[in-house]
N, C-alpha and C. Protein backbone atom coordinates (compact mmCIF):
# COMPACT_ATOMS: atom_id res chain seq x y z
N UNK A 1 7.25 15.56 3.98
CA UNK A 1 6.95 14.12 4.08
C UNK A 1 5.78 13.96 3.01
N UNK A 2 6.05 13.01 2.16
CA UNK A 2 5.15 12.62 1.23
C UNK A 2 4.24 11.34 1.55
N UNK A 3 2.86 11.28 0.88
CA UNK A 3 2.05 10.22 0.96
C UNK A 3 1.81 9.74 -0.33
N UNK A 4 1.98 8.46 -0.49
CA UNK A 4 1.93 7.64 -1.69
C UNK A 4 0.98 6.54 -1.53
N UNK A 5 0.16 6.47 -2.43
CA UNK A 5 -0.95 5.22 -2.61
C UNK A 5 -0.62 4.37 -3.88
N UNK A 6 -0.47 3.25 -3.55
CA UNK A 6 -0.02 2.25 -4.67
C UNK A 6 -1.04 1.12 -4.55
N UNK A 7 -1.25 0.40 -5.93
CA UNK A 7 -1.76 -0.91 -5.85
C UNK A 7 -0.88 -1.70 -6.98
N UNK A 8 -0.73 -2.92 -6.32
CA UNK A 8 0.26 -3.94 -7.06
C UNK A 8 -0.88 -5.18 -7.69
N UNK A 9 -0.92 -5.26 -8.86
CA UNK A 9 -1.55 -6.42 -9.52
C UNK A 9 -0.54 -7.46 -10.16
N UNK A 10 -0.62 -8.70 -9.56
CA UNK A 10 0.22 -9.71 -10.16
C UNK A 10 -0.64 -10.16 -11.29
N UNK A 11 0.12 -10.39 -12.37
CA UNK A 11 -0.82 -11.07 -13.66
C UNK A 11 0.06 -12.20 -14.05
N UNK A 12 -0.83 -13.40 -14.65
CA UNK A 12 -0.15 -14.36 -15.00
C UNK A 12 0.04 -15.22 -13.94
N UNK A 13 -0.99 -15.42 -12.93
CA UNK A 13 -0.78 -16.35 -11.71
C UNK A 13 -1.64 -17.32 -11.96
N UNK A 14 -1.67 -18.58 -11.27
CA UNK A 14 -2.53 -19.75 -11.28
C UNK A 14 -3.65 -19.73 -11.03
N UNK A 15 -4.13 -18.48 -10.21
CA UNK A 15 -5.47 -18.34 -9.56
C UNK A 15 -5.91 -16.89 -9.72
N UNK A 16 -7.21 -16.65 -9.43
CA UNK A 16 -7.65 -15.42 -9.56
C UNK A 16 -7.56 -14.71 -8.00
N UNK A 17 -7.42 -15.42 -7.04
CA UNK A 17 -7.29 -15.22 -5.78
C UNK A 17 -5.87 -14.08 -5.55
N UNK A 18 -5.90 -13.15 -4.95
CA UNK A 18 -4.93 -12.41 -4.79
C UNK A 18 -4.64 -12.30 -3.45
N UNK A 19 -5.04 -12.74 -2.24
CA UNK A 19 -4.75 -12.54 -0.70
C UNK A 19 -3.65 -13.11 -0.54
N UNK A 20 -3.03 -14.05 -1.42
CA UNK A 20 -1.45 -14.87 -0.75
C UNK A 20 -0.40 -13.69 -0.95
N UNK A 21 -0.78 -12.89 -2.26
CA UNK A 21 0.18 -12.06 -2.89
C UNK A 21 0.32 -10.93 -1.86
N UNK A 22 -0.98 -10.50 -1.47
CA UNK A 22 -1.23 -9.17 -0.49
C UNK A 22 -0.53 -9.61 0.87
N UNK A 23 -0.45 -11.01 1.32
CA UNK A 23 0.04 -11.18 2.67
C UNK A 23 1.42 -11.08 2.55
N UNK A 24 2.03 -11.53 1.38
CA UNK A 24 3.28 -11.51 1.10
C UNK A 24 4.10 -9.97 0.93
N UNK A 25 3.09 -8.93 0.32
CA UNK A 25 3.46 -7.61 0.21
C UNK A 25 3.14 -6.97 1.46
N UNK A 26 2.55 -7.22 2.56
CA UNK A 26 2.21 -6.82 3.91
C UNK A 26 3.74 -7.19 4.59
N UNK A 27 4.17 -8.52 4.59
CA UNK A 27 5.17 -8.99 5.16
C UNK A 27 6.41 -8.14 4.76
N UNK A 28 6.76 -7.82 3.45
CA UNK A 28 7.52 -6.97 2.91
C UNK A 28 7.52 -5.51 3.41
N UNK A 29 6.41 -5.01 3.52
CA UNK A 29 6.03 -3.56 4.24
C UNK A 29 6.59 -3.59 5.44
N UNK A 30 6.26 -4.67 6.24
CA UNK A 30 6.78 -4.64 7.78
C UNK A 30 8.22 -4.62 7.85
N UNK A 31 8.87 -4.98 7.13
CA UNK A 31 10.53 -4.91 7.11
C UNK A 31 10.97 -3.47 7.22
N UNK A 32 10.24 -2.46 6.53
CA UNK A 32 10.67 -1.27 6.38
C UNK A 32 10.18 -0.46 7.47
N UNK A 33 10.55 -0.56 8.60
CA UNK A 33 10.08 0.12 10.00
C UNK A 33 10.10 1.75 9.87
N UNK A 34 10.92 2.21 8.97
CA UNK A 34 11.03 3.78 8.83
C UNK A 34 9.77 4.19 8.24
N UNK A 35 8.91 3.56 7.42
CA UNK A 35 7.78 3.98 6.66
C UNK A 35 6.45 3.53 7.36
N UNK A 36 5.70 4.46 7.51
CA UNK A 36 4.39 4.17 7.61
C UNK A 36 3.47 3.63 6.68
N UNK A 37 2.51 2.56 7.05
CA UNK A 37 1.53 2.31 5.86
C UNK A 37 0.29 2.13 6.36
N UNK A 38 -0.56 1.71 5.48
CA UNK A 38 -1.96 1.43 5.89
C UNK A 38 -2.55 0.77 4.60
N UNK A 39 -2.95 -0.38 4.80
CA UNK A 39 -3.34 -1.33 3.86
C UNK A 39 -5.12 -0.91 3.66
N UNK A 40 -5.43 -0.88 2.49
CA UNK A 40 -6.90 -0.68 2.21
C UNK A 40 -7.36 -1.98 1.48
N UNK A 41 -8.61 -1.94 1.28
CA UNK A 41 -9.01 -2.99 0.41
C UNK A 41 -8.64 -2.88 -0.93
N UNK A 42 -8.34 -1.75 -1.47
CA UNK A 42 -7.88 -1.64 -2.87
C UNK A 42 -6.58 -1.16 -3.24
N UNK A 43 -5.65 -0.90 -2.19
CA UNK A 43 -4.28 -0.46 -2.43
C UNK A 43 -3.75 -0.30 -1.03
N UNK A 44 -2.45 0.42 -1.03
CA UNK A 44 -1.74 0.49 0.26
C UNK A 44 -1.39 2.00 -0.05
N UNK A 45 -1.31 2.83 1.60
CA UNK A 45 -0.86 3.90 1.54
C UNK A 45 0.31 4.05 2.24
N UNK A 46 1.31 4.80 1.84
CA UNK A 46 2.85 4.85 2.72
C UNK A 46 2.88 6.54 2.91
N UNK A 47 3.59 6.81 3.96
CA UNK A 47 4.04 8.00 4.55
C UNK A 47 5.55 8.18 4.86
N UNK A 48 6.11 8.93 4.24
CA UNK A 48 7.54 9.15 4.62
C UNK A 48 8.45 9.92 3.47
N UNK A 49 9.62 10.24 3.54
CA UNK A 49 10.46 10.91 2.54
C UNK A 49 10.23 10.27 1.29
N UNK A 50 9.97 11.17 0.33
CA UNK A 50 9.72 10.66 -1.01
C UNK A 50 10.64 9.72 -1.79
N UNK A 51 12.11 9.91 -1.46
CA UNK A 51 13.05 9.21 -2.20
C UNK A 51 12.91 7.89 -1.46
N UNK A 52 12.50 7.57 -0.04
CA UNK A 52 12.50 6.48 0.43
C UNK A 52 11.07 5.63 0.27
N UNK A 53 9.99 6.45 -0.21
CA UNK A 53 8.85 5.75 -0.68
C UNK A 53 9.05 5.00 -1.87
N UNK A 54 9.89 5.71 -2.79
CA UNK A 54 10.16 5.08 -4.03
C UNK A 54 10.90 3.62 -3.93
N UNK A 55 11.99 3.75 -2.85
CA UNK A 55 12.72 2.36 -2.62
C UNK A 55 11.69 1.15 -2.17
N UNK A 56 10.68 1.72 -0.95
CA UNK A 56 10.01 0.82 -0.75
C UNK A 56 8.92 0.31 -1.65
N UNK A 57 8.42 1.10 -2.53
CA UNK A 57 7.47 0.55 -3.56
C UNK A 57 8.17 -0.15 -4.69
N UNK A 58 9.32 -0.07 -4.76
CA UNK A 58 10.41 -0.81 -5.89
C UNK A 58 10.50 -1.97 -5.22
N UNK A 59 10.80 -2.30 -3.92
CA UNK A 59 10.96 -3.50 -3.07
C UNK A 59 9.66 -4.19 -3.23
N UNK A 60 8.53 -3.82 -2.78
CA UNK A 60 7.34 -4.39 -2.76
C UNK A 60 6.90 -4.78 -4.02
N UNK A 61 7.19 -3.88 -5.19
CA UNK A 61 6.84 -4.41 -6.81
C UNK A 61 7.61 -5.90 -7.12
N UNK A 62 8.74 -5.82 -6.46
CA UNK A 62 9.48 -7.11 -6.73
C UNK A 62 8.93 -8.49 -6.20
N UNK A 63 8.33 -8.39 -5.22
CA UNK A 63 7.48 -9.54 -4.18
C UNK A 63 6.69 -10.47 -5.30
N UNK A 64 5.80 -9.93 -5.85
CA UNK A 64 4.90 -11.04 -6.72
C UNK A 64 5.79 -11.77 -7.55
N UNK A 65 6.79 -11.28 -8.43
CA UNK A 65 7.88 -11.97 -9.17
C UNK A 65 8.24 -12.99 -8.36
N UNK A 66 8.83 -12.67 -6.93
CA UNK A 66 9.39 -13.87 -6.13
C UNK A 66 8.72 -14.82 -5.83
N UNK A 67 7.14 -14.69 -5.90
CA UNK A 67 6.20 -15.81 -5.63
C UNK A 67 5.57 -16.30 -6.92
N UNK A 68 6.12 -16.11 -8.08
CA UNK A 68 5.64 -16.85 -9.18
C UNK A 68 4.98 -16.13 -10.44
N UNK A 69 4.53 -14.60 -9.84
CA UNK A 69 3.68 -13.83 -11.08
C UNK A 69 4.78 -13.89 -12.24
N UNK A 70 4.26 -13.89 -13.44
CA UNK A 70 4.92 -13.92 -14.63
C UNK A 70 4.93 -12.38 -15.02
N UNK A 71 3.92 -11.49 -14.60
CA UNK A 71 4.08 -9.91 -14.82
C UNK A 71 3.31 -9.36 -13.73
N UNK A 72 3.80 -8.18 -13.34
CA UNK A 72 3.17 -7.14 -12.46
C UNK A 72 3.03 -5.74 -12.72
N UNK A 73 1.94 -5.25 -12.51
CA UNK A 73 1.42 -4.11 -12.84
C UNK A 73 1.16 -3.19 -11.67
N UNK A 74 1.92 -2.01 -11.49
CA UNK A 74 1.96 -1.30 -10.26
C UNK A 74 1.58 0.12 -10.68
N UNK A 75 0.26 0.57 -9.92
CA UNK A 75 -0.12 2.07 -10.13
C UNK A 75 0.47 2.75 -8.96
N UNK A 76 0.96 4.11 -9.08
CA UNK A 76 1.43 4.88 -8.00
C UNK A 76 0.75 6.30 -7.98
N UNK A 77 0.21 6.73 -6.86
CA UNK A 77 -0.21 8.21 -6.91
C UNK A 77 0.45 9.01 -5.67
N UNK A 78 0.94 9.93 -5.95
CA UNK A 78 1.73 10.73 -4.97
C UNK A 78 1.16 12.01 -4.55
N UNK A 79 1.23 12.47 -3.40
CA UNK A 79 0.78 13.65 -2.67
C UNK A 79 2.01 14.27 -1.91
N UNK A 80 2.79 15.01 -2.62
CA UNK A 80 4.03 15.78 -2.00
C UNK A 80 3.88 17.19 -1.64
N UNK A 81 3.31 17.31 -0.61
CA UNK A 81 2.89 18.63 0.06
C UNK A 81 4.22 19.44 0.87
N UNK A 82 4.79 20.52 0.35
CA UNK A 82 5.95 21.12 0.91
C UNK A 82 5.71 22.40 1.72
N UNK A 83 4.60 22.87 1.48
CA UNK A 83 4.11 24.15 2.47
C UNK A 83 3.85 23.80 3.80
N UNK A 84 3.45 22.67 4.36
CA UNK A 84 3.44 22.32 5.59
C UNK A 84 3.31 20.93 5.76
N UNK A 85 3.47 20.56 7.00
CA UNK A 85 3.70 19.04 7.47
C UNK A 85 2.10 18.43 6.86
N UNK A 86 2.34 17.20 6.38
CA UNK A 86 1.35 16.50 6.07
C UNK A 86 1.28 15.10 6.37
N UNK A 87 0.20 14.41 6.82
CA UNK A 87 0.14 13.09 7.09
C UNK A 87 -1.25 12.36 6.83
N UNK A 88 -1.37 11.01 6.97
CA UNK A 88 -2.34 10.60 6.52
C UNK A 88 -3.61 11.06 7.59
N UNK A 89 -3.34 10.96 8.81
CA UNK A 89 -4.20 11.42 9.96
C UNK A 89 -4.91 12.91 9.56
N UNK A 90 -3.51 13.80 9.26
CA UNK A 90 -3.71 15.23 9.15
C UNK A 90 -4.94 15.53 7.86
N UNK A 91 -4.68 14.70 6.76
CA UNK A 91 -5.54 14.70 5.86
C UNK A 91 -7.05 14.39 6.08
N UNK A 92 -7.10 13.43 7.03
CA UNK A 92 -8.50 12.72 7.15
C UNK A 92 -8.97 13.90 8.24
N UNK A 93 -8.21 14.37 9.34
CA UNK A 93 -8.74 15.50 10.14
C UNK A 93 -9.19 16.58 9.38
N UNK A 94 -8.59 16.91 8.46
CA UNK A 94 -9.03 18.28 7.63
C UNK A 94 -10.39 18.25 7.27
N UNK A 95 -10.76 17.06 6.59
CA UNK A 95 -11.90 16.63 6.21
C UNK A 95 -13.13 16.53 7.11
N UNK A 96 -12.67 15.81 8.12
CA UNK A 96 -13.66 15.63 9.29
C UNK A 96 -13.85 17.22 9.73
N UNK A 97 -13.04 18.03 9.99
CA UNK A 97 -13.11 19.28 10.37
C UNK A 97 -14.20 20.07 9.83
N UNK A 98 -14.28 19.75 8.52
CA UNK A 98 -15.14 20.38 7.57
C UNK A 98 -16.43 20.02 7.57
N UNK A 99 -16.55 18.61 7.94
CA UNK A 99 -18.06 18.25 7.94
C UNK A 99 -18.69 18.67 9.19
């Protein structure tokens, strides 16, 4: 199972506010019930099979275009651990255990 963090930035919009775009992205993510996600103030974290994460990120990347953005910049970080099961909670618990 992979964990990916992505940030989507619509460019060429009529306003500097992005909360409407973020709300639209959230609605798209909810459509993908097989993928767990967690939104943060600066991006979104996904958890699931790597191929599926790429599909979901691609779908979400398209959303700002559908809502008027002329350009979209998407940054992606991937943690694909294959030696043992990894999850968002497991990663946080590992740090907490060391504190």
